[in-house]
Amino acid sequence: MKFAGLKEYVYHEIKQRLINNEIKPGERIWEEEIAAELEVSRTPVREAINRLIAEEFVENRPRKGIFAAEISKEELRKMLDVRIALESLSVSQCCKLISEEEKDELRAIFGDYKRKMEEGEYEKASQLDSKMHRFIAKIADNKKLEAYINDIQDFFAYSRPYTVKWTEAKIKRAINDHKELIDALCNGNEERAIEIIREDIEAMRDLLKDNNE
């Protein structure tokens, strides 16, 4: 991947560590350590962290330090409402534009996702879940829509491994829902694809942990 400059490179590296859960929610972030690992000065690291604070991936806790954000279940639930609107449009457009090559690639991503879910590698499965939705948005060929979906997928990829309590029944449902979505997209069944994406996103409400429930 090419970057516009050093600042963009450092920002991308830190954000990917967050999204890939190499830096976990609530974990302290040390500027000097990241600067040393990336072999850069602390200035671009500080600028990247300030940008991530603005995006709410990182928190500056007075007199305590810089920490990876802990996103509440309530915040995620609110994001689900936005996801329904965005991804309904995304799958609708995807049904109209998807090519045979893209169908094969989408099926391949799903295959990897299914395997990781069945193996209990939920963090990796989460990344593949987001990859599917990002790819669908890319096929939809709307840059603004793709950007919005990528932003919200970043939050879910970052937080999902620590906010979702998986059971055997929920694993089976998640795999089946994604399979049905891929089938609908590949068959050009726009109405069914929209119905499935809405059901899939609504199901996330049940998956969010709530120790008080």
Protein backbone atom coordinates (compact mmCIF):
# COMPACT_ATOMS: atom_id res chain seq x y z
CA MET A 1 0.00 0.00 0.00
CA LYS A 2 1.32 3.44 -0.93
CA PHE A 3 1.06 6.37 1.47
CA ALA A 4 1.02 10.09 0.84
CA GLY A 5 3.74 10.63 3.42
CA LEU A 6 5.21 9.59 6.74
CA LYS A 7 2.26 10.91 8.76
CA GLU A 8 -0.20 8.85 6.72
CA TYR A 9 1.98 5.73 7.07
CA VAL A 10 2.21 6.03 10.86
CA TYR A 11 -1.52 6.70 11.16
CA HIS A 12 -2.32 3.64 9.05
CA GLU A 13 0.03 1.40 11.06
CA ILE A 14 -1.39 2.40 14.43
CA LYS A 15 -4.99 2.15 13.25
CA GLN A 16 -4.37 -1.32 11.80
CA ARG A 17 -2.93 -2.45 15.13
CA LEU A 18 -6.13 -1.30 16.77
CA ILE A 19 -8.43 -2.88 14.18
CA ASN A 20 -6.44 -6.13 14.21
CA ASN A 21 -6.60 -6.14 18.02
CA GLU A 22 -2.84 -6.03 18.39
CA ILE A 23 -3.68 -3.07 20.63
CA LYS A 24 -6.74 -4.05 22.63
CA PRO A 25 -9.53 -1.83 24.03
CA GLY A 26 -8.41 -0.26 27.30
CA GLU A 27 -4.73 -0.95 26.67
CA ARG A 28 -2.28 1.88 27.25
CA ILE A 29 -0.50 3.27 24.18
CA TRP A 30 3.10 4.41 24.57
CA GLU A 31 4.19 6.90 21.90
CA GLU A 32 7.89 6.24 22.41
CA GLU A 33 7.47 2.48 21.96
CA ILE A 34 5.52 2.88 18.71
CA ALA A 35 8.02 5.43 17.43
CA ALA A 36 10.86 2.99 18.10
CA GLU A 37 9.04 0.07 16.47
CA LEU A 38 8.21 2.10 13.35
CA GLU A 39 11.65 3.77 13.38
CA VAL A 40 10.23 7.28 13.26
CA SER A 41 10.31 10.30 15.56
CA ARG A 42 7.56 10.85 18.11
CA THR A 43 6.09 13.77 16.13
CA PRO A 44 4.24 11.73 13.45
CA VAL A 45 3.19 9.24 16.14
CA ARG A 46 1.69 12.04 18.23
CA GLU A 47 -0.08 13.47 15.17
CA ALA A 48 -1.49 10.04 14.30
CA ILE A 49 -2.71 9.50 17.85
CA ASN A 50 -4.39 12.92 17.88
CA ARG A 51 -6.18 11.97 14.66
CA LEU A 52 -7.28 8.66 16.20
CA ILE A 53 -8.52 10.50 19.28
CA ALA A 54 -10.68 12.65 16.98
CA GLU A 55 -12.00 9.45 15.36
CA GLU A 56 -12.71 8.02 18.85
CA PHE A 57 -10.44 4.99 18.52
CA VAL A 58 -8.11 6.40 21.18
CA GLU A 59 -8.71 8.23 24.46
CA ASN A 60 -6.52 10.80 26.22
CA ARG A 61 -7.16 10.27 29.92
CA PRO A 62 -5.92 13.28 31.93
CA ARG A 63 -3.02 12.45 34.28
CA LYS A 64 -3.18 8.81 33.18
CA GLY A 65 -2.06 8.67 29.57
CA ILE A 66 -3.20 7.54 26.13
CA PHE A 67 -5.39 4.44 25.88
CA ALA A 68 -7.17 2.45 23.20
CA ALA A 69 -10.84 3.40 23.44
CA GLU A 70 -13.39 1.16 25.11
CA ILE A 71 -16.53 1.47 22.99
CA SER A 72 -19.74 0.95 24.94
CA LYS A 73 -22.43 -1.51 23.92
CA GLU A 74 -24.89 1.39 23.71
CA GLU A 75 -22.65 3.19 21.19
CA LEU A 76 -22.42 0.03 19.10
CA ARG A 77 -26.18 -0.43 19.18
CA LYS A 78 -26.63 3.09 17.83
CA MET A 79 -24.12 2.32 15.06
CA LEU A 80 -26.25 -0.67 14.06
CA ASP A 81 -29.05 1.68 13.03
CA VAL A 82 -26.64 3.52 10.73
CA ARG A 83 -25.30 0.24 9.36
CA ILE A 84 -28.79 -0.90 8.35
CA ALA A 85 -29.29 2.20 6.20
CA LEU A 86 -25.83 2.15 4.63
CA GLU A 87 -25.54 -1.56 3.97
CA SER A 88 -29.07 -1.92 2.60
CA LEU A 89 -28.01 0.50 -0.14
CA SER A 90 -24.67 -1.27 -0.52
CA VAL A 91 -26.14 -4.74 -1.16
CA SER A 92 -28.81 -3.28 -3.43
CA GLN A 93 -26.17 -1.77 -5.70
CA CYS A 94 -23.92 -4.82 -5.42
CA CYS A 95 -26.69 -7.07 -6.80
CA LYS A 96 -26.84 -4.91 -9.92
CA LEU A 97 -23.10 -4.60 -10.51
CA ILE A 98 -21.34 -7.74 -9.25
CA SER A 99 -19.23 -9.61 -11.84
CA GLU A 100 -18.52 -13.34 -12.03
CA GLU A 101 -14.96 -12.73 -10.83
CA GLU A 102 -16.23 -10.72 -7.87
CA LYS A 103 -18.71 -13.49 -7.03
CA ASP A 104 -15.82 -15.95 -6.81
CA GLU A 105 -13.82 -13.61 -4.59
CA LEU A 106 -16.78 -12.99 -2.30
CA ARG A 107 -17.36 -16.73 -1.94
CA ALA A 108 -13.67 -17.21 -1.13
CA ILE A 109 -13.80 -14.60 1.65
CA PHE A 110 -16.89 -16.30 3.06
CA GLY A 111 -15.13 -19.67 2.97
CA ASP A 112 -12.27 -18.27 5.06
CA TYR A 113 -14.75 -16.63 7.45
CA LYS A 114 -16.70 -19.88 7.91
CA ARG A 115 -13.53 -21.84 8.66
CA LYS A 116 -12.28 -19.34 11.26
CA MET A 117 -15.68 -19.25 12.98
CA GLU A 118 -15.82 -23.04 13.17
CA GLU A 119 -12.27 -23.15 14.53
CA GLY A 120 -13.14 -20.63 17.24
CA GLU A 121 -10.74 -17.99 15.92
CA TYR A 122 -13.22 -15.19 16.45
CA GLU A 123 -10.79 -12.28 16.11
CA LYS A 124 -9.71 -13.48 12.67
CA ALA A 125 -13.31 -14.26 11.76
CA SER A 126 -14.23 -10.70 12.75
CA GLN A 127 -11.65 -9.31 10.33
CA LEU A 128 -13.05 -11.50 7.55
CA ASP A 129 -16.60 -10.47 8.41
CA SER A 130 -15.60 -6.84 7.92
CA LYS A 131 -13.69 -7.75 4.76
CA MET A 132 -16.87 -9.19 3.23
CA HIS A 133 -18.89 -6.06 3.95
CA ARG A 134 -16.09 -3.79 2.70
CA PHE A 135 -15.83 -5.80 -0.52
CA ILE A 136 -19.58 -5.60 -1.09
CA ALA A 137 -19.39 -1.82 -0.61
CA LYS A 138 -16.51 -1.63 -3.09
CA ILE A 139 -18.55 -3.51 -5.71
CA ALA A 140 -21.42 -1.03 -5.15
CA ASP A 141 -19.16 1.57 -6.80
CA ASN A 142 -20.07 4.57 -4.66
CA LYS A 143 -17.00 6.15 -3.09
CA LYS A 144 -18.81 8.03 -0.32
CA LEU A 145 -20.89 4.99 0.60
CA GLU A 146 -17.76 2.83 0.63
CA ALA A 147 -15.94 5.32 2.87
CA TYR A 148 -18.82 5.47 5.37
CA ILE A 149 -19.12 1.68 5.51
CA ASN A 150 -15.36 1.29 5.92
CA ASP A 151 -15.40 3.72 8.85
CA ILE A 152 -18.17 1.90 10.68
CA GLN A 153 -16.68 -1.52 9.89
CA ASP A 154 -13.43 -0.35 11.48
CA PHE A 155 -15.27 0.20 14.76
CA PHE A 156 -16.97 -3.19 14.65
CA ALA A 157 -13.78 -5.03 13.68
CA TYR A 158 -12.03 -3.31 16.58
CA SER A 159 -14.69 -3.92 19.20
CA ARG A 160 -16.47 -7.13 18.14
CA PRO A 161 -14.04 -9.69 19.67
CA TYR A 162 -14.56 -8.13 23.10
CA THR A 163 -18.27 -7.30 22.95
CA VAL A 164 -19.73 -10.44 21.40
CA LYS A 165 -20.37 -13.62 23.39
CA TRP A 166 -20.39 -16.52 20.95
CA THR A 167 -22.37 -19.74 21.48
CA GLU A 168 -22.68 -22.73 19.15
CA ALA A 169 -26.15 -21.61 18.08
CA LYS A 170 -25.00 -18.05 17.37
CA ILE A 171 -22.01 -19.30 15.39
CA LYS A 172 -24.27 -21.43 13.20
CA ARG A 173 -26.67 -18.53 12.70
CA ALA A 174 -23.88 -16.13 11.76
CA ILE A 175 -22.44 -18.54 9.21
CA ASN A 176 -25.86 -19.31 7.73
CA ASP A 177 -26.82 -15.63 7.53
CA HIS A 178 -23.63 -14.78 5.65
CA LYS A 179 -24.05 -17.76 3.31
CA GLU A 180 -27.60 -16.70 2.47
CA LEU A 181 -26.43 -13.14 1.86
CA ILE A 182 -23.67 -14.28 -0.51
CA ASP A 183 -26.13 -16.54 -2.36
CA ALA A 184 -28.62 -13.68 -2.75
CA LEU A 185 -25.93 -11.30 -4.03
CA CYS A 186 -24.54 -13.84 -6.49
CA ASN A 187 -28.05 -14.62 -7.75
CA GLY A 188 -28.90 -10.94 -8.14
CA ASN A 189 -31.80 -11.26 -5.70
CA GLU A 190 -31.86 -7.64 -4.50
CA GLU A 191 -35.00 -7.88 -2.35
CA ARG A 192 -33.72 -10.96 -0.50
CA ALA A 193 -30.24 -9.47 -0.06
CA ILE A 194 -31.69 -6.37 1.61
CA GLU A 195 -33.89 -8.51 3.84
CA ILE A 196 -30.92 -10.65 4.92
CA ILE A 197 -28.58 -7.74 5.60
CA ARG A 198 -31.21 -6.12 7.81
CA GLU A 199 -31.78 -9.37 9.71
CA ASP A 200 -28.02 -9.96 10.04
CA ILE A 201 -27.36 -6.50 11.46
CA GLU A 202 -30.36 -6.72 13.80
CA ALA A 203 -29.00 -10.05 15.06
CA MET A 204 -25.90 -8.19 16.25
CA ARG A 205 -28.02 -6.65 19.00
CA ASP A 206 -28.45 -10.13 20.48
CA LEU A 207 -24.75 -10.85 20.16
CA LEU A 208 -23.59 -7.81 22.09
CA LYS A 209 -22.61 -8.80 25.60
CA ASP A 210 -24.51 -7.30 28.45
CA ASN A 211 -23.53 -8.61 31.83
CA ASN A 212 -26.69 -7.14 33.29
CA GLU A 213 -28.96 -9.21 31.07
